[in-house]
PDB file of N, CA and C in Angstrom:
ATOM      1  N   MET A   1      79.694  65.571  96.920  1.00  0.00           N
ATOM      2  CA  MET A   1      79.074  67.149  96.582  1.00  0.00           C
ATOM      3  C   MET A   1      77.966  67.427  97.842  1.00  0.00           C
ATOM      4  N   GLU A   2      77.871  66.452  98.513  1.00  0.00           N
ATOM      5  CA  GLU A   2      76.870  66.142  99.663  1.00  0.00           C
ATOM      6  C   GLU A   2      77.055  67.362 100.404  1.00  0.00           C
ATOM      7  N   LEU A   3      78.206  67.250 100.839  1.00  0.00           N
ATOM      8  CA  LEU A   3      78.856  67.938 101.904  1.00  0.00           C
ATOM      9  C   LEU A   3      79.028  69.456 101.639  1.00  0.00           C
ATOM     10  N   ALA A   4      79.395  69.567 100.441  1.00  0.00           N
ATOM     11  CA  ALA A   4      79.437  71.196 100.061  1.00  0.00           C
ATOM     12  C   ALA A   4      77.678  71.482  99.865  1.00  0.00           C
ATOM     13  N   ASP A   5      76.867  70.802  99.956  1.00  0.00           N
ATOM     14  CA  ASP A   5      75.300  71.194  99.366  1.00  0.00           C
ATOM     15  C   ASP A   5      74.997  71.801 101.416  1.00  0.00           C
ATOM     16  N   ARG A   6      75.469  70.768 101.639  1.00  0.00           N
ATOM     17  CA  ARG A   6      75.199  70.803 103.265  1.00  0.00           C
ATOM     18  C   ARG A   6      75.925  71.905 103.702  1.00  0.00           C
ATOM     19  N   ALA A   7      76.988  72.293 103.868  1.00  0.00           N
ATOM     20  CA  ALA A   7      77.365  73.562 104.253  1.00  0.00           C
ATOM     21  C   ALA A   7      76.938  74.377 103.363  1.00  0.00           C
ATOM     22  N   VAL A   8      76.971  75.103 102.083  1.00  0.00           N
ATOM     23  CA  VAL A   8      75.749  75.709 101.608  1.00  0.00           C
ATOM     24  C   VAL A   8      74.884  76.181 102.280  1.00  0.00           C
ATOM     25  N   GLY A   9      74.003  75.339 102.349  1.00  0.00           N
ATOM     26  CA  GLY A   9      72.761  75.269 102.847  1.00  0.00           C
ATOM     27  C   GLY A   9      73.169  75.638 104.779  1.00  0.00           C
ATOM     28  N   PHE A  10      74.024  75.120 105.474  1.00  0.00           N
ATOM     29  CA  PHE A  10      74.382  75.694 106.577  1.00  0.00           C
ATOM     30  C   PHE A  10      74.086  77.217 106.605  1.00  0.00           C
ATOM     31  N   LEU A  11      75.521  77.822 105.863  1.00  0.00           N
ATOM     32  CA  LEU A  11      75.783  79.090 105.547  1.00  0.00           C
ATOM     33  C   LEU A  11      74.606  79.789 105.764  1.00  0.00           C
ATOM     34  N   LEU A  12      73.711  79.766 104.324  1.00  0.00           N
ATOM     35  CA  LEU A  12      72.647  80.642 103.786  1.00  0.00           C
ATOM     36  C   LEU A  12      71.837  80.463 105.179  1.00  0.00           C
ATOM     37  N   SER A  13      71.308  79.429 106.271  1.00  0.00           N
ATOM     38  CA  SER A  13      70.285  79.565 106.897  1.00  0.00           C
ATOM     39  C   SER A  13      70.662  80.136 108.244  1.00  0.00           C
ATOM     40  N   PHE A  14      72.602  80.257 108.259  1.00  0.00           N
ATOM     41  CA  PHE A  14      72.923  81.328 109.240  1.00  0.00           C
ATOM     42  C   PHE A  14      72.760  82.502 108.955  1.00  0.00           C
ATOM     43  N   ILE A  15      72.785  82.603 107.639  1.00  0.00           N
ATOM     44  CA  ILE A  15      73.067  84.513 107.006  1.00  0.00           C
ATOM     45  C   ILE A  15      71.571  84.573 107.747  1.00  0.00           C
ATOM     46  N   SER A  16      70.720  83.719 107.288  1.00  0.00           N
ATOM     47  CA  SER A  16      69.588  84.335 107.078  1.00  0.00           C
ATOM     48  C   SER A  16      69.059  84.744 108.675  1.00  0.00           C
ATOM     49  N   LEU A  17      69.371  83.350 109.534  1.00  0.00           N
ATOM     50  CA  LEU A  17      68.901  83.946 110.886  1.00  0.00           C
ATOM     51  C   LEU A  17      69.363  85.288 111.577  1.00  0.00           C
ATOM     52  N   SER A  18      70.631  85.732 111.142  1.00  0.00           N
ATOM     53  CA  SER A  18      71.443  86.257 111.754  1.00  0.00           C
ATOM     54  C   SER A  18      70.948  87.788 111.137  1.00  0.00           C
ATOM     55  N   ILE A  19      70.252  87.950 110.015  1.00  0.00           N
ATOM     56  CA  ILE A  19      69.608  89.283 109.794  1.00  0.00           C
ATOM     57  C   ILE A  19      68.443  89.291 110.209  1.00  0.00           C
ATOM     58  N   PHE A  20      67.717  87.891 110.291  1.00  0.00           N
ATOM     59  CA  PHE A  20      66.330  87.962 111.125  1.00  0.00           C
ATOM     60  C   PHE A  20      66.622  88.524 112.632  1.00  0.00           C
ATOM     61  N   THR A  21      67.676  87.981 113.344  1.00  0.00           N
ATOM     62  CA  THR A  21      67.462  88.347 114.717  1.00  0.00           C
ATOM     63  C   THR A  21      68.107  89.784 114.272  1.00  0.00           C
ATOM     64  N   TYR A  22      68.892  90.408 113.597  1.00  0.00           N
ATOM     65  CA  TYR A  22      68.939  92.171 113.887  1.00  0.00           C
ATOM     66  C   TYR A  22      68.141  92.674 113.607  1.00  0.00           C
ATOM     67  N   TYR A  23      67.194  92.176 112.398  1.00  0.00           N
ATOM     68  CA  TYR A  23      66.237  92.971 112.049  1.00  0.00           C
ATOM     69  C   TYR A  23      65.182  92.891 113.182  1.00  0.00           C
ATOM     70  N   THR A  24      65.169  92.250 113.754  1.00  0.00           N
ATOM     71  CA  THR A  24      64.403  91.736 114.995  1.00  0.00           C
ATOM     72  C   THR A  24      64.591  92.611 116.066  1.00  0.00           C
ATOM     73  N   PHE A  25      65.480  92.752 116.301  1.00  0.00           N
ATOM     74  CA  PHE A  25      65.853  93.247 117.611  1.00  0.00           C
ATOM     75  C   PHE A  25      66.066  95.166 117.185  1.00  0.00           C
ATOM     76  N   TRP A  26      66.600  95.370 115.989  1.00  0.00           N
ATOM     77  CA  TRP A  26      66.437  96.785 115.488  1.00  0.00           C
ATOM     78  C   TRP A  26      64.813  97.191 115.587  1.00  0.00           C
ATOM     79  N   VAL A  27      64.100  96.452 115.151  1.00  0.00           N
ATOM     80  CA  VAL A  27      62.812  97.134 114.827  1.00  0.00           C
ATOM     81  C   VAL A  27      61.637  97.238 116.255  1.00  0.00           C
ATOM     82  N   ILE A  28      62.182  96.026 117.499  1.00  0.00           N
ATOM     83  CA  ILE A  28      60.886  95.590 118.090  1.00  0.00           C
ATOM     84  C   ILE A  28      61.628  95.970 119.522  1.00  0.00           C
ATOM     85  N   ILE A  29      62.737  95.643 119.699  1.00  0.00           N
ATOM     86  CA  ILE A  29      63.571  95.874 121.096  1.00  0.00           C
ATOM     87  C   ILE A  29      64.234  97.057 121.424  1.00  0.00           C
ATOM     88  N   LEU A  30      64.980  97.924 120.102  1.00  0.00           N
ATOM     89  CA  LEU A  30      65.606  98.884 120.235  1.00  0.00           C
ATOM     90  C   LEU A  30      64.986  99.993 120.494  1.00  0.00           C
ATOM     91  N   PRO A  31      63.502 100.291 120.348  1.00  0.00           N
ATOM     92  CA  PRO A  31      62.894 101.791 120.132  1.00  0.00           C
ATOM     93  C   PRO A  31      62.284 101.713 121.926  1.00  0.00           C
ATOM     94  N   PHE A  32      62.271 100.691 122.472  1.00  0.00           N
ATOM     95  CA  PHE A  32      62.313 100.903 124.138  1.00  0.00           C
ATOM     96  C   PHE A  32      63.545 101.164 124.443  1.00  0.00           C
ATOM     97  N   VAL A  33      64.735 101.019 123.882  1.00  0.00           N
ATOM     98  CA  VAL A  33      66.060 101.140 125.087  1.00  0.00           C
ATOM     99  C   VAL A  33      65.934 102.940 125.002  1.00  0.00           C
ATOM    100  N   ASP A  34      66.749 103.152 125.641  1.00  0.00           N
ATOM    101  CA  ASP A  34      67.113 105.031 125.926  1.00  0.00           C
ATOM    102  C   ASP A  34      67.969 105.249 124.916  1.00  0.00           C
ATOM    103  N   ASP A  35      68.064 106.148 123.967  1.00  0.00           N
ATOM    104  CA  ASP A  35      68.552 107.039 122.723  1.00  0.00           C
ATOM    105  C   ASP A  35      70.408 107.315 123.391  1.00  0.00           C
ATOM    106  N   ASP A  36      70.239 107.293 124.755  1.00  0.00           N
ATOM    107  CA  ASP A  36      72.260 107.578 124.858  1.00  0.00           C
ATOM    108  C   ASP A  36      72.507 106.036 125.506  1.00  0.00           C
ATOM    109  N   HIS A  37      72.407 105.055 125.332  1.00  0.00           N
ATOM    110  CA  HIS A  37      72.852 103.959 125.832  1.00  0.00           C
ATOM    111  C   HIS A  37      73.675 103.204 124.141  1.00  0.00           C
ATOM    112  N   PHE A  38      74.978 102.878 124.542  1.00  0.00           N
ATOM    113  CA  PHE A  38      75.712 102.546 123.543  1.00  0.00           C
ATOM    114  C   PHE A  38      75.181 101.395 122.857  1.00  0.00           C
ATOM    115  N   VAL A  39      74.224 100.875 122.720  1.00  0.00           N
ATOM    116  CA  VAL A  39      73.802  99.610 121.827  1.00  0.00           C
ATOM    117  C   VAL A  39      73.252 100.595 120.612  1.00  0.00           C
ATOM    118  N   HIS A  40      72.959 101.458 120.667  1.00  0.00           N
ATOM    119  CA  HIS A  40      72.267 102.800 119.574  1.00  0.00           C
ATOM    120  C   HIS A  40      73.019 102.801 118.293  1.00  0.00           C
ATOM    121  N   LYS A  41      74.708 102.839 118.635  1.00  0.00           N
ATOM    122  CA  LYS A  41      75.334 102.930 117.538  1.00  0.00           C
ATOM    123  C   LYS A  41      75.812 101.766 116.654  1.00  0.00           C
ATOM    124  N   TYR A  42      75.498 100.872 116.682  1.00  0.00           N
ATOM    125  CA  TYR A  42      75.537  99.444 115.997  1.00  0.00           C
ATOM    126  C   TYR A  42      74.264  99.423 115.455  1.00  0.00           C
ATOM    127  N   PHE A  43      73.247 100.404 115.121  1.00  0.00           N
ATOM    128  CA  PHE A  43      72.173 100.154 114.465  1.00  0.00           C
ATOM    129  C   PHE A  43      72.219 101.194 113.422  1.00  0.00           C
ATOM    130  N   LEU A  44      71.679 101.428 112.459  1.00  0.00           N
ATOM    131  CA  LEU A  44      70.854 102.424 111.444  1.00  0.00           C
ATOM    132  C   LEU A  44      69.928 103.218 112.170  1.00  0.00           C
ATOM    133  N   PRO A  45      69.603 104.605 111.759  1.00  0.00           N
ATOM    134  CA  PRO A  45      67.998 105.030 112.069  1.00  0.00           C
ATOM    135  C   PRO A  45      67.057 104.457 111.788  1.00  0.00           C
ATOM    136  N   GLN A  46      65.969 104.694 112.279  1.00  0.00           N
ATOM    137  CA  GLN A  46      64.800 103.996 112.250  1.00  0.00           C
ATOM    138  C   GLN A  46      64.322 103.898 111.068  1.00  0.00           C
ATOM    139  N   GLU A  47      64.351 104.773 110.542  1.00  0.00           N
ATOM    140  CA  GLU A  47      63.960 105.631 108.744  1.00  0.00           C
ATOM    141  C   GLU A  47      64.444 104.494 108.052  1.00  0.00           C
ATOM    142  N   TYR A  48      65.213 103.628 107.989  1.00  0.00           N
ATOM    143  CA  TYR A  48      66.052 102.509 107.266  1.00  0.00           C
ATOM    144  C   TYR A  48      65.513 101.617 107.466  1.00  0.00           C
ATOM    145  N   ALA A  49      64.703 101.045 108.869  1.00  0.00           N
ATOM    146  CA  ALA A  49      64.247  99.779 109.313  1.00  0.00           C
ATOM    147  C   ALA A  49      62.704  99.667 107.969  1.00  0.00           C
ATOM    148  N   ILE A  50      62.566 100.817 107.465  1.00  0.00           N
ATOM    149  CA  ILE A  50      61.283 100.546 106.775  1.00  0.00           C
ATOM    150  C   ILE A  50      61.822 100.667 105.149  1.00  0.00           C
ATOM    151  N   LEU A  51      62.948 101.657 104.983  1.00  0.00           N
ATOM    152  CA  LEU A  51      63.263 102.142 103.461  1.00  0.00           C
ATOM    153  C   LEU A  51      64.064 100.966 103.081  1.00  0.00           C
ATOM    154  N   ILE A  52      64.899  99.820 103.401  1.00  0.00           N
ATOM    155  CA  ILE A  52      65.669  99.071 103.129  1.00  0.00           C
ATOM    156  C   ILE A  52      64.855  97.948 102.811  1.00  0.00           C
ATOM    157  N   PRO A  53      63.741  97.446 103.299  1.00  0.00           N
ATOM    158  CA  PRO A  53      63.026  96.274 102.964  1.00  0.00           C
ATOM    159  C   PRO A  53      62.002  96.640 101.949  1.00  0.00           C
ATOM    160  N   VAL A  54      61.669  97.650 102.058  1.00  0.00           N
ATOM    161  CA  VAL A  54      60.730  98.462 100.722  1.00  0.00           C
ATOM    162  C   VAL A  54      61.667  98.423  99.601  1.00  0.00           C
ATOM    163  N   SER A  55      62.843  99.206  99.520  1.00  0.00           N
ATOM    164  CA  SER A  55      63.276  99.250  98.254  1.00  0.00           C
ATOM    165  C   SER A  55      64.055  97.660  97.960  1.00  0.00           C
ATOM    166  N   ALA A  56      64.285  97.139  99.016  1.00  0.00           N
ATOM    167  CA  ALA A  56      64.813  95.249  98.420  1.00  0.00           C
ATOM    168  C   ALA A  56      63.317  94.592  97.739  1.00  0.00           C
ATOM    169  N   GLY A  57      62.277  94.663  98.030  1.00  0.00           N
ATOM    170  CA  GLY A  57      60.952  94.271  97.548  1.00  0.00           C
ATOM    171  C   GLY A  57      60.751  94.787  96.736  1.00  0.00           C
ATOM    172  N   VAL A  58      60.911  96.157  96.175  1.00  0.00           N
ATOM    173  CA  VAL A  58      60.791  96.725  94.954  1.00  0.00           C
ATOM    174  C   VAL A  58      61.316  96.051  93.717  1.00  0.00           C
ATOM    175  N   ALA A  59      62.950  96.241  94.299  1.00  0.00           N
ATOM    176  CA  ALA A  59      63.832  95.739  93.272  1.00  0.00           C
ATOM    177  C   ALA A  59      63.679  94.275  92.964  1.00  0.00           C
ATOM    178  N   LEU A  60      63.251  93.220  93.945  1.00  0.00           N
ATOM    179  CA  LEU A  60      63.085  91.839  93.900  1.00  0.00           C
ATOM    180  C   LEU A  60      61.391  91.946  92.367  1.00  0.00           C
ATOM    181  N   ILE A  61      60.497  92.724  92.861  1.00  0.00           N
ATOM    182  CA  ILE A  61      59.670  92.678  92.092  1.00  0.00           C
ATOM    183  C   ILE A  61      59.954  92.925  90.428  1.00  0.00           C
ATOM    184  N   CYS A  62      61.002  93.799  90.136  1.00  0.00           N
ATOM    185  CA  CYS A  62      60.889  94.325  89.114  1.00  0.00           C
ATOM    186  C   CYS A  62      62.016  93.342  88.303  1.00  0.00           C
ATOM    187  N   LEU A  63      63.374  92.685  89.340  1.00  0.00           N
ATOM    188  CA  LEU A  63      63.754  91.544  88.780  1.00  0.00           C
ATOM    189  C   LEU A  63      62.685  90.541  88.045  1.00  0.00           C
ATOM    190  N   LEU A  64      61.916  90.276  88.676  1.00  0.00           N
ATOM    191  CA  LEU A  64      60.698  88.991  88.609  1.00  0.00           C
ATOM    192  C   LEU A  64      59.968  89.488  87.611  1.00  0.00           C
ATOM    193  N   CYS A  65      59.779  90.854  87.553  1.00  0.00           N
ATOM    194  CA  CYS A  65      59.130  91.056  85.949  1.00  0.00           C
ATOM    195  C   CYS A  65      59.983  91.034  85.232  1.00  0.00           C
ATOM    196  N   ILE A  66      60.821  91.496  84.815  1.00  0.00           N
ATOM    197  CA  ILE A  66      61.473  91.449  83.911  1.00  0.00           C
ATOM    198  C   ILE A  66      62.056  89.918  83.466  1.00  0.00           C
ATOM    199  N   PHE A  67      62.441  88.995  84.344  1.00  0.00           N
ATOM    200  CA  PHE A  67      62.390  87.661  84.023  1.00  0.00           C
ATOM    201  C   PHE A  67      61.322  87.021  83.459  1.00  0.00           C
ATOM    202  N   ILE A  68      59.985  87.730  83.979  1.00  0.00           N
ATOM    203  CA  ILE A  68      58.798  86.952  83.634  1.00  0.00           C
ATOM    204  C   ILE A  68      58.674  87.668  82.226  1.00  0.00           C
ATOM    205  N   GLY A  69      58.986  88.577  81.762  1.00  0.00           N
ATOM    206  CA  GLY A  69      58.758  89.204  80.117  1.00  0.00           C
ATOM    207  C   GLY A  69      59.731  88.322  79.173  1.00  0.00           C
ATOM    208  N   PHE A  70      61.117  87.871  79.624  1.00  0.00           N
ATOM    209  CA  PHE A  70      61.940  87.406  78.645  1.00  0.00           C
ATOM    210  C   PHE A  70      61.448  85.958  78.833  1.00  0.00           C
ATOM    211  N   VAL A  71      61.098  85.326  79.524  1.00  0.00           N
ATOM    212  CA  VAL A  71      60.266  83.722  79.514  1.00  0.00           C
ATOM    213  C   VAL A  71      59.180  84.180  78.360  1.00  0.00           C
ATOM    214  N   MET A  72      58.239  84.921  78.503  1.00  0.00           N
ATOM    215  CA  MET A  72      57.432  85.272  77.249  1.00  0.00           C
ATOM    216  C   MET A  72      57.761  85.533  76.327  1.00  0.00           C
ATOM    217  N   LEU A  73      58.619  86.516  76.043  1.00  0.00           N
ATOM    218  CA  LEU A  73      59.232  86.509  74.565  1.00  0.00           C
ATOM    219  C   LEU A  73      60.031  85.299  74.318  1.00  0.00           C
ATOM    220  N   LYS A  74      60.406  84.379  74.998  1.00  0.00           N
ATOM    221  CA  LYS A  74      61.281  83.132  74.155  1.00  0.00           C
ATOM    222  C   LYS A  74      60.489  82.833  73.980  1.00  0.00           C
ATOM    223  N   SER A  75      59.255  82.357  74.704  1.00  0.00           N
ATOM    224  CA  SER A  75      57.978  81.453  74.526  1.00  0.00           C
ATOM    225  C   SER A  75      57.427  81.617  73.395  1.00  0.00           C
ATOM    226  N   LYS A  76      57.287  82.824  72.974  1.00  0.00           N
ATOM    227  CA  LYS A  76      56.886  83.279  71.809  1.00  0.00           C
ATOM    228  C   LYS A  76      57.540  83.513  70.400  1.00  0.00           C
ATOM    229  N   LYS A  77      58.321  83.369  70.570  1.00  0.00           N
ATOM    230  CA  LYS A  77      59.335  83.276  69.508  1.00  0.00           C
ATOM    231  C   LYS A  77      59.674  81.462  68.986  1.00  0.00           C
ATOM    232  N   LYS A  78      59.389  80.846  69.692  1.00  0.00           N
ATOM    233  CA  LYS A  78      59.215  79.356  69.713  1.00  0.00           C
ATOM    234  C   LYS A  78      58.057  78.905  69.047  1.00  0.00           C
ATOM    235  N   ALA A  79      56.910  79.636  69.388  1.00  0.00           N
ATOM    236  CA  ALA A  79      56.018  79.113  68.455  1.00  0.00           C
ATOM    237  C   ALA A  79      55.507  79.626  67.448  1.00  0.00           C
TER     238      ALA A  79
END
């Protein structure tokens, strides 16, 4: 089982590093590249650079609040 855990950990690390590199290049480096350069076709418009992380954060906070609410309701039923 240790090998499978290590493989999953490596895969998650690789995916996280890839997303971080893509986002960093998209937000920090791409605005300084000419608009007619071919690399722009591989990236979404700049508006999504803010919209995607904000919507993901709101969704995460909502799911966290729902989870905390369920835990509080379950602990109230036990007491």
